Amino acid sequence: MTVTLTPEQLKVAAQLLLIFHPHATRCRERVIKNKVRFVHYTSAANALSIIKTKRIWMRNTTCMTDYREVQHGLDALNRYFNIEAHREAFATALNDCFPGSADEVFGLFNRWWQNTQLQTYVTSISEHDDREDFHGRLSMWRAFGGTAARVATGQSRVSERPRPKYVYRQYLFDVHDCCCLLET
């Protein structure tokens, strides 16, 4: 099912992104303005698989070397919201927009946390500077893969407008562009 947002809905979505993801929104604007490229560092065998299947695998964070990353995020949120003034400011801002919504948001987050913790999947995508064309960002991947040949698959375009169905997952680039690195 394709969802088409009106110009007004797109405007509201952009405002929500700026409110809830201000750093990511500014980074995305910088990426578009500077035409930043992205790469996925991987083994040569996996790069061939990406090319053949036009799919990139994501890994459950509980299976990763740095599996505590998701828990670290929760710990940071808990430290912030355990300060009553922070929790109250957040609740006031939400309730000013939608009366009574703060309690619902906190409740939903707490009920969804275990699923979030166990069902978070990631793929590593790095910004790629022009000066890295020959050697890449070796520090990002020299420690992994043993002696297997390693490569970086590239993605050179970033959509200026997020696709509506991904608008709340939008960070630095369109999820669709990332998942179809070699399709474009």
C-alpha atoms as a PDB file:
ATOM      1  CA  MET A   1       0.000   0.000   0.000  1.00  0.00           C
ATOM      2  CA  THR A   2       1.426   3.357  -1.037  1.00  0.00           C
ATOM      3  CA  VAL A   3       0.648   6.321   1.171  1.00  0.00           C
ATOM      4  CA  THR A   4       0.660   9.767  -0.402  1.00  0.00           C
ATOM      5  CA  LEU A   5       1.062  12.686   1.942  1.00  0.00           C
ATOM      6  CA  THR A   6      -0.342  16.107   1.194  1.00  0.00           C
ATOM      7  CA  PRO A   7       2.016  19.105   1.154  1.00  0.00           C
ATOM      8  CA  GLU A   8       0.641  20.083   4.567  1.00  0.00           C
ATOM      9  CA  GLN A   9       1.339  16.582   5.962  1.00  0.00           C
ATOM     10  CA  LEU A  10       4.875  16.685   4.534  1.00  0.00           C
ATOM     11  CA  LYS A  11       5.384  20.051   6.254  1.00  0.00           C
ATOM     12  CA  VAL A  12       4.190  18.605   9.585  1.00  0.00           C
ATOM     13  CA  ALA A  13       6.416  15.532   9.081  1.00  0.00           C
ATOM     14  CA  ALA A  14       9.427  17.787   8.453  1.00  0.00           C
ATOM     15  CA  GLN A  15       8.620  19.748  11.622  1.00  0.00           C
ATOM     16  CA  LEU A  16       8.328  16.505  13.632  1.00  0.00           C
ATOM     17  CA  LEU A  17      11.678  15.316  12.301  1.00  0.00           C
ATOM     18  CA  LEU A  18      13.245  18.609  13.362  1.00  0.00           C
ATOM     19  CA  ILE A  19      11.694  18.312  16.836  1.00  0.00           C
ATOM     20  CA  PHE A  20      12.464  14.638  17.492  1.00  0.00           C
ATOM     21  CA  HIS A  21      15.649  14.260  15.427  1.00  0.00           C
ATOM     22  CA  PRO A  22      17.248  17.731  15.212  1.00  0.00           C
ATOM     23  CA  HIS A  23      20.822  16.492  14.818  1.00  0.00           C
ATOM     24  CA  ALA A  24      19.883  13.906  12.189  1.00  0.00           C
ATOM     25  CA  THR A  25      17.817  16.490  10.299  1.00  0.00           C
ATOM     26  CA  ARG A  26      20.759  18.929  10.189  1.00  0.00           C
ATOM     27  CA  CYS A  27      23.095  16.106   9.116  1.00  0.00           C
ATOM     28  CA  ARG A  28      20.701  15.107   6.348  1.00  0.00           C
ATOM     29  CA  GLU A  29      20.557  18.695   5.098  1.00  0.00           C
ATOM     30  CA  ARG A  30      24.390  18.818   5.077  1.00  0.00           C
ATOM     31  CA  VAL A  31      24.540  15.502   3.194  1.00  0.00           C
ATOM     32  CA  ILE A  32      22.162  16.783   0.499  1.00  0.00           C
ATOM     33  CA  LYS A  33      23.854  20.173   0.200  1.00  0.00           C
ATOM     34  CA  ASN A  34      27.365  18.693  -0.039  1.00  0.00           C
ATOM     35  CA  LYS A  35      26.355  15.670  -2.154  1.00  0.00           C
ATOM     36  CA  VAL A  36      27.949  13.295   0.359  1.00  0.00           C
ATOM     37  CA  ARG A  37      28.454   9.705  -0.736  1.00  0.00           C
ATOM     38  CA  PHE A  38      27.983   6.587   1.392  1.00  0.00           C
ATOM     39  CA  VAL A  39      29.636   3.175   1.380  1.00  0.00           C
ATOM     40  CA  HIS A  40      29.024  -0.193   2.992  1.00  0.00           C
ATOM     41  CA  TYR A  41      32.269  -1.935   3.963  1.00  0.00           C
ATOM     42  CA  THR A  42      32.003  -5.695   3.548  1.00  0.00           C
ATOM     43  CA  SER A  43      33.725  -8.810   2.269  1.00  0.00           C
ATOM     44  CA  ALA A  44      34.129  -9.330  -1.462  1.00  0.00           C
ATOM     45  CA  ALA A  45      31.869 -12.393  -1.241  1.00  0.00           C
ATOM     46  CA  ASN A  46      29.134 -10.369   0.454  1.00  0.00           C
ATOM     47  CA  ALA A  47      29.523  -7.536  -2.083  1.00  0.00           C
ATOM     48  CA  LEU A  48      28.883 -10.060  -4.874  1.00  0.00           C
ATOM     49  CA  SER A  49      25.801 -11.265  -2.994  1.00  0.00           C
ATOM     50  CA  ILE A  50      24.539  -7.669  -2.717  1.00  0.00           C
ATOM     51  CA  ILE A  51      25.052  -7.177  -6.454  1.00  0.00           C
ATOM     52  CA  LYS A  52      23.334 -10.461  -7.379  1.00  0.00           C
ATOM     53  CA  THR A  53      20.356 -10.206  -5.029  1.00  0.00           C
ATOM     54  CA  LYS A  54      20.066  -6.394  -4.870  1.00  0.00           C
ATOM     55  CA  ARG A  55      19.617  -6.816  -1.119  1.00  0.00           C
ATOM     56  CA  ILE A  56      21.723  -5.842   1.836  1.00  0.00           C
ATOM     57  CA  TRP A  57      21.488  -7.849   5.041  1.00  0.00           C
ATOM     58  CA  MET A  58      20.829  -6.327   8.411  1.00  0.00           C
ATOM     59  CA  ARG A  59      22.026  -7.912  11.645  1.00  0.00           C
ATOM     60  CA  ASN A  60      20.146  -8.176  14.906  1.00  0.00           C
ATOM     61  CA  THR A  61      21.985  -5.997  17.431  1.00  0.00           C
ATOM     62  CA  THR A  62      21.934  -8.777  20.040  1.00  0.00           C
ATOM     63  CA  CYS A  63      24.320 -10.769  17.794  1.00  0.00           C
ATOM     64  CA  MET A  64      26.858  -7.996  17.254  1.00  0.00           C
ATOM     65  CA  THR A  65      30.218  -7.404  18.864  1.00  0.00           C
ATOM     66  CA  ASP A  66      28.876  -4.174  20.365  1.00  0.00           C
ATOM     67  CA  TYR A  67      25.496  -5.641  21.340  1.00  0.00           C
ATOM     68  CA  ARG A  68      25.113  -3.208  24.277  1.00  0.00           C
ATOM     69  CA  GLU A  69      24.559  -0.236  21.933  1.00  0.00           C
ATOM     70  CA  VAL A  70      20.753  -0.480  22.144  1.00  0.00           C
ATOM     71  CA  GLN A  71      20.869  -0.833  25.942  1.00  0.00           C
ATOM     72  CA  HIS A  72      23.234   2.145  26.058  1.00  0.00           C
ATOM     73  CA  GLY A  73      20.583   4.214  24.261  1.00  0.00           C
ATOM     74  CA  LEU A  74      17.954   3.198  26.801  1.00  0.00           C
ATOM     75  CA  ASP A  75      20.334   3.994  29.642  1.00  0.00           C
ATOM     76  CA  ALA A  76      20.864   7.490  28.200  1.00  0.00           C
ATOM     77  CA  LEU A  77      17.093   8.039  27.906  1.00  0.00           C
ATOM     78  CA  ASN A  78      16.576   6.827  31.468  1.00  0.00           C
ATOM     79  CA  ARG A  79      19.297   9.152  32.807  1.00  0.00           C
ATOM     80  CA  TYR A  80      17.632  12.072  31.015  1.00  0.00           C
ATOM     81  CA  PHE A  81      14.039  11.312  31.975  1.00  0.00           C
ATOM     82  CA  ASN A  82      14.904  10.410  35.580  1.00  0.00           C
ATOM     83  CA  ILE A  83      15.507  14.129  36.065  1.00  0.00           C
ATOM     84  CA  GLU A  84      12.029  15.391  36.887  1.00  0.00           C
ATOM     85  CA  ALA A  85      12.512  18.770  35.159  1.00  0.00           C
ATOM     86  CA  HIS A  86      13.416  17.016  31.883  1.00  0.00           C
ATOM     87  CA  ARG A  87      10.498  14.603  32.084  1.00  0.00           C
ATOM     88  CA  GLU A  88       8.107  17.451  32.907  1.00  0.00           C
ATOM     89  CA  ALA A  89       9.364  19.668  30.052  1.00  0.00           C
ATOM     90  CA  PHE A  90       8.939  16.806  27.577  1.00  0.00           C
ATOM     91  CA  ALA A  91       5.468  15.961  28.895  1.00  0.00           C
ATOM     92  CA  THR A  92       4.397  19.613  28.776  1.00  0.00           C
ATOM     93  CA  ALA A  93       5.566  19.971  25.160  1.00  0.00           C
ATOM     94  CA  LEU A  94       3.676  16.837  24.093  1.00  0.00           C
ATOM     95  CA  ASN A  95       0.552  17.677  26.065  1.00  0.00           C
ATOM     96  CA  ASP A  96       0.498  21.211  24.628  1.00  0.00           C
ATOM     97  CA  CYS A  97       0.243  19.657  21.160  1.00  0.00           C
ATOM     98  CA  PHE A  98      -1.982  16.716  22.065  1.00  0.00           C
ATOM     99  CA  PRO A  99      -3.559  16.876  25.546  1.00  0.00           C
ATOM    100  CA  GLY A 100      -2.947  13.708  27.551  1.00  0.00           C
ATOM    101  CA  SER A 101      -0.476  12.257  25.061  1.00  0.00           C
ATOM    102  CA  ALA A 102       2.614  12.277  27.298  1.00  0.00           C
ATOM    103  CA  ASP A 103       1.389   9.498  29.598  1.00  0.00           C
ATOM    104  CA  GLU A 104       0.390   7.453  26.554  1.00  0.00           C
ATOM    105  CA  VAL A 105       3.814   7.969  24.930  1.00  0.00           C
ATOM    106  CA  PHE A 106       5.702   6.955  28.071  1.00  0.00           C
ATOM    107  CA  GLY A 107       3.437   3.925  28.534  1.00  0.00           C
ATOM    108  CA  LEU A 108       3.789   2.767  24.933  1.00  0.00           C
ATOM    109  CA  PHE A 109       7.551   3.179  25.015  1.00  0.00           C
ATOM    110  CA  ASN A 110       7.841   1.115  28.191  1.00  0.00           C
ATOM    111  CA  ARG A 111       5.571  -1.631  26.818  1.00  0.00           C
ATOM    112  CA  TRP A 112       7.453  -1.764  23.502  1.00  0.00           C
ATOM    113  CA  TRP A 113      10.938  -1.674  24.993  1.00  0.00           C
ATOM    114  CA  GLN A 114      11.594  -5.441  25.157  1.00  0.00           C
ATOM    115  CA  ASN A 115      10.505  -5.885  21.546  1.00  0.00           C
ATOM    116  CA  THR A 116      12.667  -2.923  20.518  1.00  0.00           C
ATOM    117  CA  GLN A 117      15.636  -4.365  22.369  1.00  0.00           C
ATOM    118  CA  LEU A 118      15.289  -7.818  20.797  1.00  0.00           C
ATOM    119  CA  GLN A 119      14.104  -6.771  17.318  1.00  0.00           C
ATOM    120  CA  THR A 120      16.517  -3.988  16.354  1.00  0.00           C
ATOM    121  CA  TYR A 121      18.446  -4.647  13.152  1.00  0.00           C
ATOM    122  CA  VAL A 122      21.222  -2.514  11.704  1.00  0.00           C
ATOM    123  CA  THR A 123      23.505  -2.284   8.723  1.00  0.00           C
ATOM    124  CA  SER A 124      26.676  -0.236   8.712  1.00  0.00           C
ATOM    125  CA  ILE A 125      26.791   2.627   6.241  1.00  0.00           C
ATOM    126  CA  SER A 126      29.623   5.177   6.378  1.00  0.00           C
ATOM    127  CA  GLU A 127      30.056   8.609   4.890  1.00  0.00           C
ATOM    128  CA  HIS A 128      32.702   8.507   2.186  1.00  0.00           C
ATOM    129  CA  ASP A 129      35.009  11.464   1.544  1.00  0.00           C
ATOM    130  CA  ASP A 130      36.555  11.991  -1.898  1.00  0.00           C
ATOM    131  CA  ARG A 131      40.042  11.593  -0.391  1.00  0.00           C
ATOM    132  CA  GLU A 132      39.070   8.032   0.635  1.00  0.00           C
ATOM    133  CA  ASP A 133      38.434   6.828  -2.934  1.00  0.00           C
ATOM    134  CA  PHE A 134      41.654   4.795  -3.117  1.00  0.00           C
ATOM    135  CA  HIS A 135      42.059   3.299   0.387  1.00  0.00           C
ATOM    136  CA  GLY A 136      38.631   3.872   1.902  1.00  0.00           C
ATOM    137  CA  ARG A 137      38.157   4.433   5.600  1.00  0.00           C
ATOM    138  CA  LEU A 138      40.310   1.488   6.614  1.00  0.00           C
ATOM    139  CA  SER A 139      39.894   2.032  10.325  1.00  0.00           C
ATOM    140  CA  MET A 140      36.233   1.144   9.900  1.00  0.00           C
ATOM    141  CA  TRP A 141      36.878  -2.376   8.697  1.00  0.00           C
ATOM    142  CA  ARG A 142      40.474  -3.579   8.872  1.00  0.00           C
ATOM    143  CA  ALA A 143      39.785  -5.412  12.143  1.00  0.00           C
ATOM    144  CA  PHE A 144      36.958  -7.506  10.671  1.00  0.00           C
ATOM    145  CA  GLY A 145      36.921 -10.244   8.059  1.00  0.00           C
ATOM    146  CA  GLY A 146      40.306 -11.850   8.731  1.00  0.00           C
ATOM    147  CA  THR A 147      42.234 -12.402   5.511  1.00  0.00           C
ATOM    148  CA  ALA A 148      39.175 -12.351   3.239  1.00  0.00           C
ATOM    149  CA  ALA A 149      39.149  -9.731   0.494  1.00  0.00           C
ATOM    150  CA  ARG A 150      37.246  -6.644   1.619  1.00  0.00           C
ATOM    151  CA  VAL A 151      35.464  -4.003  -0.452  1.00  0.00           C
ATOM    152  CA  ALA A 152      33.213  -0.991  -0.090  1.00  0.00           C
ATOM    153  CA  THR A 153      29.972  -0.903  -2.050  1.00  0.00           C
ATOM    154  CA  GLY A 154      28.933   2.640  -2.889  1.00  0.00           C
ATOM    155  CA  GLN A 155      25.829   4.761  -2.989  1.00  0.00           C
ATOM    156  CA  SER A 156      26.116   8.163  -4.556  1.00  0.00           C
ATOM    157  CA  ARG A 157      22.715   9.790  -4.507  1.00  0.00           C
ATOM    158  CA  VAL A 158      20.613  10.987  -1.625  1.00  0.00           C
ATOM    159  CA  SER A 159      16.988  11.897  -2.178  1.00  0.00           C
ATOM    160  CA  GLU A 160      16.118  15.444  -1.161  1.00  0.00           C
ATOM    161  CA  ARG A 161      12.616  14.433  -0.095  1.00  0.00           C
ATOM    162  CA  PRO A 162      11.963  11.473   2.168  1.00  0.00           C
ATOM    163  CA  ARG A 163       9.631   8.834   0.840  1.00  0.00           C
ATOM    164  CA  PRO A 164       6.372   9.092   2.834  1.00  0.00           C
ATOM    165  CA  LYS A 165       6.299   5.539   4.148  1.00  0.00           C
ATOM    166  CA  TYR A 166       9.735   6.069   5.734  1.00  0.00           C
ATOM    167  CA  VAL A 167       9.186   9.582   7.022  1.00  0.00           C
ATOM    168  CA  TYR A 168       9.390   8.616  10.706  1.00  0.00           C
ATOM    169  CA  ARG A 169      12.439   6.413  10.131  1.00  0.00           C
ATOM    170  CA  GLN A 170      14.226   9.051   8.103  1.00  0.00           C
ATOM    171  CA  TYR A 171      17.661   9.851   9.404  1.00  0.00           C
ATOM    172  CA  LEU A 172      20.473  10.782   7.055  1.00  0.00           C
ATOM    173  CA  PHE A 173      19.225   9.158   3.870  1.00  0.00           C
ATOM    174  CA  ASP A 174      16.244   7.328   2.479  1.00  0.00           C
ATOM    175  CA  VAL A 175      15.991   3.760   3.706  1.00  0.00           C
ATOM    176  CA  HIS A 176      14.952   2.659   0.198  1.00  0.00           C
ATOM    177  CA  ASP A 177      18.101   4.185  -1.339  1.00  0.00           C
ATOM    178  CA  CYS A 178      20.253   2.368   1.198  1.00  0.00           C
ATOM    179  CA  CYS A 179      18.552  -0.992   0.727  1.00  0.00           C
ATOM    180  CA  CYS A 180      18.878  -0.732  -3.039  1.00  0.00           C
ATOM    181  CA  LEU A 181      22.482   0.445  -3.164  1.00  0.00           C
ATOM    182  CA  LEU A 182      23.260  -1.126  -6.480  1.00  0.00           C
ATOM    183  CA  GLU A 183      19.868  -0.931  -8.090  1.00  0.00           C
ATOM    184  CA  THR A 184      20.125   2.746  -9.107  1.00  0.00           C
END
